[in-house]
Amino acid sequence: MSNLLEILRPWARRHGVGAVVPAPFDVVLSPADVVQPDLCLVAAGRAALLASGHLEGAPDLAVEVVSESTRRRDEVTKRHLYERHGVREYWLVDPDAATLTVYHGGPAGFGTPLVHQGEATFESRLPPGLAVSLAEVLRP
């Protein structure tokens, strides 16, 4: 996760696209739904949602790093919560499988995920213009 933070935070600052926030950081999706993504991005125009020590509402981008102990929660529970509450893009990084799965939000929720693996470099829709090398994300 630290590699992704090292990639996203400076890029977001350079381009003025918003704030990149690492865990531990509460995201209050609703009074009953509070999560802590491993990393999230809140677009610059939505900075008012950042309150003292937590985010009120859905981040634009949520990132979870999957482990055996969190797999079901990240792949099922959190994915459904993020989809229901309007997260625009959700990334699942799986270091064991060396994959990055990207879900894009839309009017009908998350569509079919895009799975990146190997030496892939992918471009995020959110923020636009961000190209991420999977090898860089997964490097030890």
N, C-alpha and C. Protein backbone atom coordinates (compact mmCIF):
# COMPACT_ATOMS: atom_id res chain seq x y z
N MET A 1 0.82 -1.19 0.00
CA MET A 1 0.00 0.00 0.00
C MET A 1 0.86 1.25 0.00
N SER A 2 2.03 1.19 0.64
CA SER A 2 2.88 2.37 0.67
C SER A 2 3.35 2.75 -0.72
N ASN A 3 3.57 1.76 -1.60
CA ASN A 3 3.96 2.08 -2.98
C ASN A 3 2.87 2.88 -3.67
N LEU A 4 1.64 2.48 -3.49
CA LEU A 4 0.53 3.18 -4.12
C LEU A 4 0.39 4.60 -3.57
N LEU A 5 0.58 4.74 -2.29
CA LEU A 5 0.54 6.07 -1.67
C LEU A 5 1.66 6.95 -2.26
N GLU A 6 2.85 6.37 -2.43
CA GLU A 6 3.97 7.12 -3.01
C GLU A 6 3.72 7.50 -4.47
N ILE A 7 2.89 6.75 -5.16
CA ILE A 7 2.54 7.06 -6.55
C ILE A 7 1.42 8.10 -6.59
N LEU A 8 0.36 7.86 -5.85
CA LEU A 8 -0.84 8.69 -5.96
C LEU A 8 -0.73 10.07 -5.31
N ARG A 9 -0.16 10.14 -4.12
CA ARG A 9 -0.16 11.42 -3.40
C ARG A 9 0.59 12.51 -4.17
N PRO A 10 1.83 12.27 -4.61
CA PRO A 10 2.52 13.34 -5.36
C PRO A 10 1.82 13.67 -6.68
N TRP A 11 1.28 12.65 -7.36
CA TRP A 11 0.59 12.89 -8.61
C TRP A 11 -0.63 13.78 -8.37
N ALA A 12 -1.40 13.47 -7.33
CA ALA A 12 -2.60 14.26 -7.03
C ALA A 12 -2.23 15.71 -6.68
N ARG A 13 -1.15 15.89 -5.93
CA ARG A 13 -0.71 17.26 -5.59
C ARG A 13 -0.28 18.03 -6.83
N ARG A 14 0.53 17.38 -7.67
CA ARG A 14 1.02 18.04 -8.90
C ARG A 14 -0.13 18.48 -9.80
N HIS A 15 -1.16 17.67 -9.89
CA HIS A 15 -2.25 17.95 -10.81
C HIS A 15 -3.45 18.61 -10.14
N GLY A 16 -3.39 18.80 -8.83
CA GLY A 16 -4.47 19.47 -8.11
C GLY A 16 -5.80 18.76 -8.18
N VAL A 17 -5.76 17.42 -8.20
CA VAL A 17 -7.01 16.67 -8.38
C VAL A 17 -7.74 16.35 -7.08
N GLY A 18 -7.08 16.52 -5.94
CA GLY A 18 -7.74 16.23 -4.68
C GLY A 18 -6.78 15.72 -3.63
N ALA A 19 -7.36 15.18 -2.58
CA ALA A 19 -6.58 14.69 -1.44
C ALA A 19 -6.55 13.17 -1.43
N VAL A 20 -5.35 12.62 -1.27
CA VAL A 20 -5.17 11.17 -1.12
C VAL A 20 -4.96 10.91 0.36
N VAL A 21 -5.81 10.04 0.92
CA VAL A 21 -5.80 9.81 2.36
C VAL A 21 -5.60 8.32 2.63
N PRO A 22 -4.56 7.97 3.40
CA PRO A 22 -4.33 6.56 3.74
C PRO A 22 -5.05 6.18 5.03
N ALA A 23 -5.23 4.88 5.24
CA ALA A 23 -5.76 4.37 6.51
C ALA A 23 -4.73 4.63 7.60
N PRO A 24 -5.12 4.75 8.83
CA PRO A 24 -6.51 4.65 9.30
C PRO A 24 -7.25 5.97 9.12
N PHE A 25 -8.38 5.89 8.46
CA PHE A 25 -9.19 7.06 8.18
C PHE A 25 -10.61 6.60 7.96
N ASP A 26 -11.53 7.03 8.83
CA ASP A 26 -12.92 6.61 8.72
C ASP A 26 -13.61 7.28 7.54
N VAL A 27 -14.37 6.47 6.81
CA VAL A 27 -15.24 6.95 5.74
C VAL A 27 -16.66 6.62 6.17
N VAL A 28 -17.43 7.66 6.45
CA VAL A 28 -18.80 7.49 6.93
C VAL A 28 -19.73 7.54 5.71
N LEU A 29 -20.11 6.35 5.24
CA LEU A 29 -20.99 6.25 4.08
C LEU A 29 -22.43 6.52 4.48
N SER A 30 -22.79 6.11 5.68
CA SER A 30 -24.11 6.35 6.26
C SER A 30 -23.93 6.15 7.76
N PRO A 31 -24.92 6.49 8.57
CA PRO A 31 -24.75 6.27 10.01
C PRO A 31 -24.46 4.81 10.37
N ALA A 32 -24.93 3.88 9.54
CA ALA A 32 -24.72 2.46 9.83
C ALA A 32 -23.52 1.86 9.08
N ASP A 33 -22.96 2.61 8.13
CA ASP A 33 -21.89 2.08 7.28
C ASP A 33 -20.65 2.95 7.37
N VAL A 34 -19.70 2.52 8.21
CA VAL A 34 -18.43 3.22 8.36
C VAL A 34 -17.33 2.22 8.00
N VAL A 35 -16.46 2.62 7.07
CA VAL A 35 -15.39 1.75 6.60
C VAL A 35 -14.06 2.49 6.68
N GLN A 36 -12.99 1.74 6.55
CA GLN A 36 -11.65 2.32 6.47
C GLN A 36 -10.93 1.73 5.27
N PRO A 37 -11.05 2.36 4.10
CA PRO A 37 -10.30 1.85 2.96
C PRO A 37 -8.81 1.99 3.24
N ASP A 38 -8.01 1.18 2.57
CA ASP A 38 -6.57 1.30 2.74
C ASP A 38 -6.08 2.64 2.22
N LEU A 39 -6.77 3.15 1.22
CA LEU A 39 -6.40 4.43 0.61
C LEU A 39 -7.63 4.98 -0.08
N CYS A 40 -7.81 6.29 -0.05
CA CYS A 40 -8.90 6.89 -0.81
C CYS A 40 -8.48 8.23 -1.37
N LEU A 41 -9.20 8.64 -2.40
CA LEU A 41 -8.99 9.94 -3.01
C LEU A 41 -10.31 10.68 -3.00
N VAL A 42 -10.26 11.92 -2.56
CA VAL A 42 -11.44 12.79 -2.58
C VAL A 42 -11.11 13.92 -3.54
N ALA A 43 -11.92 14.07 -4.58
CA ALA A 43 -11.67 15.10 -5.60
C ALA A 43 -11.67 16.48 -4.97
N ALA A 44 -10.87 17.36 -5.57
CA ALA A 44 -10.68 18.71 -5.03
C ALA A 44 -12.01 19.45 -4.83
N GLY A 45 -12.94 19.29 -5.74
CA GLY A 45 -14.23 19.97 -5.64
C GLY A 45 -15.13 19.44 -4.54
N ARG A 46 -14.72 18.34 -3.92
CA ARG A 46 -15.53 17.72 -2.86
C ARG A 46 -14.83 17.77 -1.51
N ALA A 47 -13.83 18.63 -1.39
CA ALA A 47 -13.02 18.70 -0.17
C ALA A 47 -13.85 19.02 1.07
N ALA A 48 -15.01 19.63 0.90
CA ALA A 48 -15.87 19.96 2.04
C ALA A 48 -16.34 18.71 2.77
N LEU A 49 -16.30 17.55 2.09
CA LEU A 49 -16.72 16.29 2.74
C LEU A 49 -15.70 15.82 3.78
N LEU A 50 -14.49 16.35 3.69
CA LEU A 50 -13.46 15.97 4.66
C LEU A 50 -13.68 16.75 5.94
N ALA A 51 -14.07 16.05 6.96
CA ALA A 51 -14.27 16.69 8.26
C ALA A 51 -13.08 16.34 9.15
N SER A 52 -13.11 16.80 10.33
CA SER A 52 -12.01 16.55 11.26
C SER A 52 -11.85 15.05 11.51
N GLY A 53 -10.82 14.46 10.89
CA GLY A 53 -10.50 13.07 11.15
C GLY A 53 -11.30 12.03 10.40
N HIS A 54 -12.23 12.42 9.53
CA HIS A 54 -12.99 11.43 8.76
C HIS A 54 -13.59 12.06 7.51
N LEU A 55 -14.14 11.21 6.66
CA LEU A 55 -14.79 11.64 5.43
C LEU A 55 -16.28 11.38 5.57
N GLU A 56 -17.08 12.41 5.33
CA GLU A 56 -18.54 12.28 5.35
C GLU A 56 -19.03 12.05 3.93
N GLY A 57 -19.27 10.79 3.58
CA GLY A 57 -19.73 10.47 2.24
C GLY A 57 -18.72 9.59 1.52
N ALA A 58 -19.04 9.26 0.29
CA ALA A 58 -18.21 8.33 -0.48
C ALA A 58 -16.99 9.04 -1.06
N PRO A 59 -15.82 8.38 -1.00
CA PRO A 59 -14.67 8.92 -1.71
C PRO A 59 -14.87 8.73 -3.21
N ASP A 60 -14.12 9.47 -4.00
CA ASP A 60 -14.19 9.27 -5.44
C ASP A 60 -13.50 7.98 -5.82
N LEU A 61 -12.38 7.68 -5.16
CA LEU A 61 -11.62 6.45 -5.39
C LEU A 61 -11.39 5.78 -4.05
N ALA A 62 -11.69 4.49 -3.96
CA ALA A 62 -11.38 3.69 -2.78
C ALA A 62 -10.47 2.56 -3.21
N VAL A 63 -9.44 2.29 -2.40
CA VAL A 63 -8.48 1.23 -2.71
C VAL A 63 -8.37 0.31 -1.50
N GLU A 64 -8.46 -0.99 -1.77
CA GLU A 64 -8.26 -2.00 -0.73
C GLU A 64 -7.15 -2.94 -1.19
N VAL A 65 -6.25 -3.27 -0.27
CA VAL A 65 -5.22 -4.27 -0.51
C VAL A 65 -5.71 -5.56 0.12
N VAL A 66 -5.95 -6.57 -0.71
CA VAL A 66 -6.55 -7.82 -0.28
C VAL A 66 -5.52 -8.70 0.42
N SER A 67 -5.95 -9.31 1.51
CA SER A 67 -5.16 -10.36 2.16
C SER A 67 -6.13 -11.50 2.44
N GLU A 68 -5.61 -12.63 2.81
CA GLU A 68 -6.50 -13.77 3.09
C GLU A 68 -7.52 -13.44 4.18
N SER A 69 -7.10 -12.67 5.18
CA SER A 69 -8.01 -12.36 6.28
C SER A 69 -9.07 -11.31 5.91
N THR A 70 -8.83 -10.52 4.85
CA THR A 70 -9.79 -9.47 4.47
C THR A 70 -10.47 -9.73 3.14
N ARG A 71 -10.11 -10.82 2.47
CA ARG A 71 -10.57 -11.06 1.10
C ARG A 71 -12.10 -10.95 0.96
N ARG A 72 -12.85 -11.70 1.74
CA ARG A 72 -14.32 -11.70 1.59
C ARG A 72 -14.89 -10.30 1.87
N ARG A 73 -14.40 -9.66 2.89
CA ARG A 73 -14.90 -8.32 3.22
C ARG A 73 -14.59 -7.33 2.09
N ASP A 74 -13.36 -7.38 1.56
CA ASP A 74 -12.98 -6.44 0.50
C ASP A 74 -13.70 -6.74 -0.81
N GLU A 75 -13.76 -8.02 -1.19
CA GLU A 75 -14.33 -8.39 -2.50
C GLU A 75 -15.85 -8.39 -2.53
N VAL A 76 -16.48 -8.57 -1.39
CA VAL A 76 -17.95 -8.66 -1.38
C VAL A 76 -18.57 -7.52 -0.58
N THR A 77 -18.33 -7.50 0.72
CA THR A 77 -19.01 -6.53 1.59
C THR A 77 -18.68 -5.09 1.23
N LYS A 78 -17.39 -4.77 1.19
CA LYS A 78 -17.01 -3.38 0.89
C LYS A 78 -17.34 -3.01 -0.55
N ARG A 79 -17.18 -3.94 -1.48
CA ARG A 79 -17.53 -3.65 -2.87
C ARG A 79 -19.00 -3.24 -2.97
N HIS A 80 -19.88 -3.98 -2.30
CA HIS A 80 -21.31 -3.64 -2.34
C HIS A 80 -21.58 -2.30 -1.67
N LEU A 81 -20.91 -2.04 -0.55
CA LEU A 81 -21.10 -0.75 0.12
C LEU A 81 -20.63 0.40 -0.76
N TYR A 82 -19.45 0.27 -1.34
CA TYR A 82 -18.92 1.32 -2.20
C TYR A 82 -19.82 1.54 -3.41
N GLU A 83 -20.30 0.47 -3.98
CA GLU A 83 -21.20 0.57 -5.14
C GLU A 83 -22.49 1.28 -4.76
N ARG A 84 -23.09 0.86 -3.65
CA ARG A 84 -24.37 1.42 -3.21
C ARG A 84 -24.26 2.90 -2.86
N HIS A 85 -23.11 3.31 -2.35
CA HIS A 85 -22.96 4.70 -1.89
C HIS A 85 -22.28 5.61 -2.91
N GLY A 86 -22.04 5.12 -4.12
CA GLY A 86 -21.61 6.00 -5.20
C GLY A 86 -20.11 6.24 -5.35
N VAL A 87 -19.28 5.31 -4.88
CA VAL A 87 -17.84 5.44 -5.14
C VAL A 87 -17.65 5.33 -6.65
N ARG A 88 -16.89 6.26 -7.21
CA ARG A 88 -16.75 6.31 -8.67
C ARG A 88 -15.78 5.27 -9.22
N GLU A 89 -14.77 4.91 -8.43
CA GLU A 89 -13.82 3.89 -8.87
C GLU A 89 -13.32 3.15 -7.63
N TYR A 90 -13.25 1.82 -7.74
CA TYR A 90 -12.81 0.96 -6.64
C TYR A 90 -11.72 0.05 -7.15
N TRP A 91 -10.56 0.07 -6.47
CA TRP A 91 -9.43 -0.77 -6.85
C TRP A 91 -9.22 -1.82 -5.78
N LEU A 92 -9.05 -3.06 -6.20
CA LEU A 92 -8.67 -4.16 -5.32
C LEU A 92 -7.28 -4.63 -5.73
N VAL A 93 -6.31 -4.41 -4.87
CA VAL A 93 -4.94 -4.84 -5.13
C VAL A 93 -4.75 -6.18 -4.43
N ASP A 94 -4.37 -7.20 -5.18
CA ASP A 94 -4.14 -8.54 -4.61
C ASP A 94 -2.67 -8.90 -4.82
N PRO A 95 -1.84 -8.67 -3.79
CA PRO A 95 -0.41 -8.96 -3.93
C PRO A 95 -0.12 -10.45 -4.17
N ASP A 96 -0.91 -11.35 -3.59
CA ASP A 96 -0.68 -12.78 -3.77
C ASP A 96 -0.92 -13.22 -5.21
N ALA A 97 -1.98 -12.70 -5.83
CA ALA A 97 -2.30 -13.04 -7.22
C ALA A 97 -1.62 -12.11 -8.21
N ALA A 98 -0.95 -11.06 -7.69
CA ALA A 98 -0.30 -10.04 -8.53
C ALA A 98 -1.30 -9.44 -9.52
N THR A 99 -2.46 -9.03 -9.00
CA THR A 99 -3.49 -8.42 -9.83
C THR A 99 -4.00 -7.13 -9.20
N LEU A 100 -4.57 -6.30 -10.06
CA LEU A 100 -5.28 -5.12 -9.62
C LEU A 100 -6.61 -5.13 -10.37
N THR A 101 -7.70 -5.21 -9.64
CA THR A 101 -9.04 -5.25 -10.21
C THR A 101 -9.67 -3.88 -10.04
N VAL A 102 -10.20 -3.34 -11.12
CA VAL A 102 -10.78 -2.00 -11.10
C VAL A 102 -12.26 -2.07 -11.44
N TYR A 103 -13.07 -1.49 -10.55
CA TYR A 103 -14.51 -1.36 -10.77
C TYR A 103 -14.80 0.11 -11.04
N HIS A 104 -15.56 0.39 -12.09
CA HIS A 104 -15.96 1.75 -12.43
C HIS A 104 -17.43 1.92 -12.09
N GLY A 105 -17.74 2.96 -11.35
CA GLY A 105 -19.12 3.24 -11.00
C GLY A 105 -19.83 3.97 -12.12
N GLY A 106 -21.12 3.77 -12.19
CA GLY A 106 -21.95 4.44 -13.18
C GLY A 106 -23.38 4.48 -12.69
N PRO A 107 -24.31 4.93 -13.51
CA PRO A 107 -25.71 5.03 -13.09
C PRO A 107 -26.29 3.69 -12.61
N ALA A 108 -25.81 2.59 -13.20
CA ALA A 108 -26.32 1.27 -12.82
C ALA A 108 -25.40 0.57 -11.81
N GLY A 109 -24.48 1.31 -11.21
CA GLY A 109 -23.55 0.71 -10.25
C GLY A 109 -22.26 0.33 -10.94
N PHE A 110 -21.54 -0.59 -10.32
CA PHE A 110 -20.27 -1.05 -10.90
C PHE A 110 -20.56 -1.97 -12.07
N GLY A 111 -19.84 -1.75 -13.14
CA GLY A 111 -19.95 -2.64 -14.29
C GLY A 111 -19.01 -3.81 -14.12
N THR A 112 -18.72 -4.48 -15.20
CA THR A 112 -17.79 -5.61 -15.20
C THR A 112 -16.40 -5.09 -14.83
N PRO A 113 -15.74 -5.72 -13.88
CA PRO A 113 -14.43 -5.23 -13.47
C PRO A 113 -13.36 -5.50 -14.53
N LEU A 114 -12.34 -4.65 -14.53
CA LEU A 114 -11.17 -4.84 -15.37
C LEU A 114 -10.07 -5.39 -14.49
N VAL A 115 -9.49 -6.53 -14.88
CA VAL A 115 -8.43 -7.16 -14.09
C VAL A 115 -7.11 -6.95 -14.80
N HIS A 116 -6.18 -6.31 -14.11
CA HIS A 116 -4.84 -6.04 -14.64
C HIS A 116 -3.86 -6.97 -13.95
N GLN A 117 -2.92 -7.52 -14.72
CA GLN A 117 -1.94 -8.43 -14.12
C GLN A 117 -0.61 -8.32 -14.86
N GLY A 118 0.39 -8.96 -14.29
CA GLY A 118 1.71 -9.00 -14.92
C GLY A 118 2.35 -7.63 -14.99
N GLU A 119 2.83 -7.29 -16.17
CA GLU A 119 3.54 -6.03 -16.39
C GLU A 119 2.60 -4.91 -16.83
N ALA A 120 1.34 -5.09 -16.61
CA ALA A 120 0.34 -4.13 -17.10
C ALA A 120 0.54 -2.74 -16.51
N THR A 121 0.26 -1.76 -17.33
CA THR A 121 0.12 -0.37 -16.90
C THR A 121 -1.30 0.01 -17.27
N PHE A 122 -2.02 0.56 -16.32
CA PHE A 122 -3.40 0.92 -16.64
C PHE A 122 -3.61 2.40 -16.38
N GLU A 123 -4.57 2.96 -17.10
CA GLU A 123 -4.93 4.35 -16.90
C GLU A 123 -6.26 4.41 -16.18
N SER A 124 -6.26 5.18 -15.13
CA SER A 124 -7.46 5.36 -14.34
C SER A 124 -8.38 6.36 -15.03
N ARG A 125 -9.67 6.14 -14.89
CA ARG A 125 -10.63 7.15 -15.33
C ARG A 125 -10.74 8.23 -14.27
N LEU A 126 -10.33 7.85 -13.07
CA LEU A 126 -10.43 8.76 -11.95
C LEU A 126 -9.17 8.61 -11.12
N PRO A 127 -8.34 9.51 -11.05
CA PRO A 127 -8.36 10.75 -11.80
C PRO A 127 -7.90 10.52 -13.24
N PRO A 128 -8.44 11.29 -14.19
CA PRO A 128 -8.07 11.08 -15.58
C PRO A 128 -6.58 11.41 -15.80
N GLY A 129 -5.95 10.61 -16.65
CA GLY A 129 -4.56 10.86 -16.97
C GLY A 129 -3.56 10.16 -16.07
N LEU A 130 -4.03 9.50 -15.06
CA LEU A 130 -3.13 8.78 -14.15
C LEU A 130 -2.84 7.40 -14.73
N ALA A 131 -1.58 7.12 -15.02
CA ALA A 131 -1.16 5.80 -15.49
C ALA A 131 -0.38 5.13 -14.37
N VAL A 132 -0.78 3.93 -14.02
CA VAL A 132 -0.18 3.21 -12.89
C VAL A 132 0.41 1.89 -13.39
N SER A 133 1.65 1.64 -13.05
CA SER A 133 2.30 0.39 -13.39
C SER A 133 2.04 -0.61 -12.26
N LEU A 134 1.46 -1.73 -12.60
CA LEU A 134 1.17 -2.74 -11.59
C LEU A 134 2.46 -3.24 -10.94
N ALA A 135 3.51 -3.38 -11.72
CA ALA A 135 4.80 -3.83 -11.15
C ALA A 135 5.28 -2.83 -10.09
N GLU A 136 5.07 -1.55 -10.30
CA GLU A 136 5.48 -0.53 -9.32
C GLU A 136 4.61 -0.61 -8.06
N VAL A 137 3.33 -0.85 -8.25
CA VAL A 137 2.43 -0.98 -7.10
C VAL A 137 2.82 -2.18 -6.23
N LEU A 138 3.18 -3.29 -6.88
CA LEU A 138 3.45 -4.54 -6.16
C LEU A 138 4.91 -4.73 -5.75
N ARG A 139 5.79 -3.80 -6.14
CA ARG A 139 7.21 -3.99 -5.82
C ARG A 139 7.40 -4.07 -4.31
N PRO A 140 8.31 -4.98 -3.88
CA PRO A 140 8.55 -5.13 -2.42
C PRO A 140 9.26 -3.94 -1.82
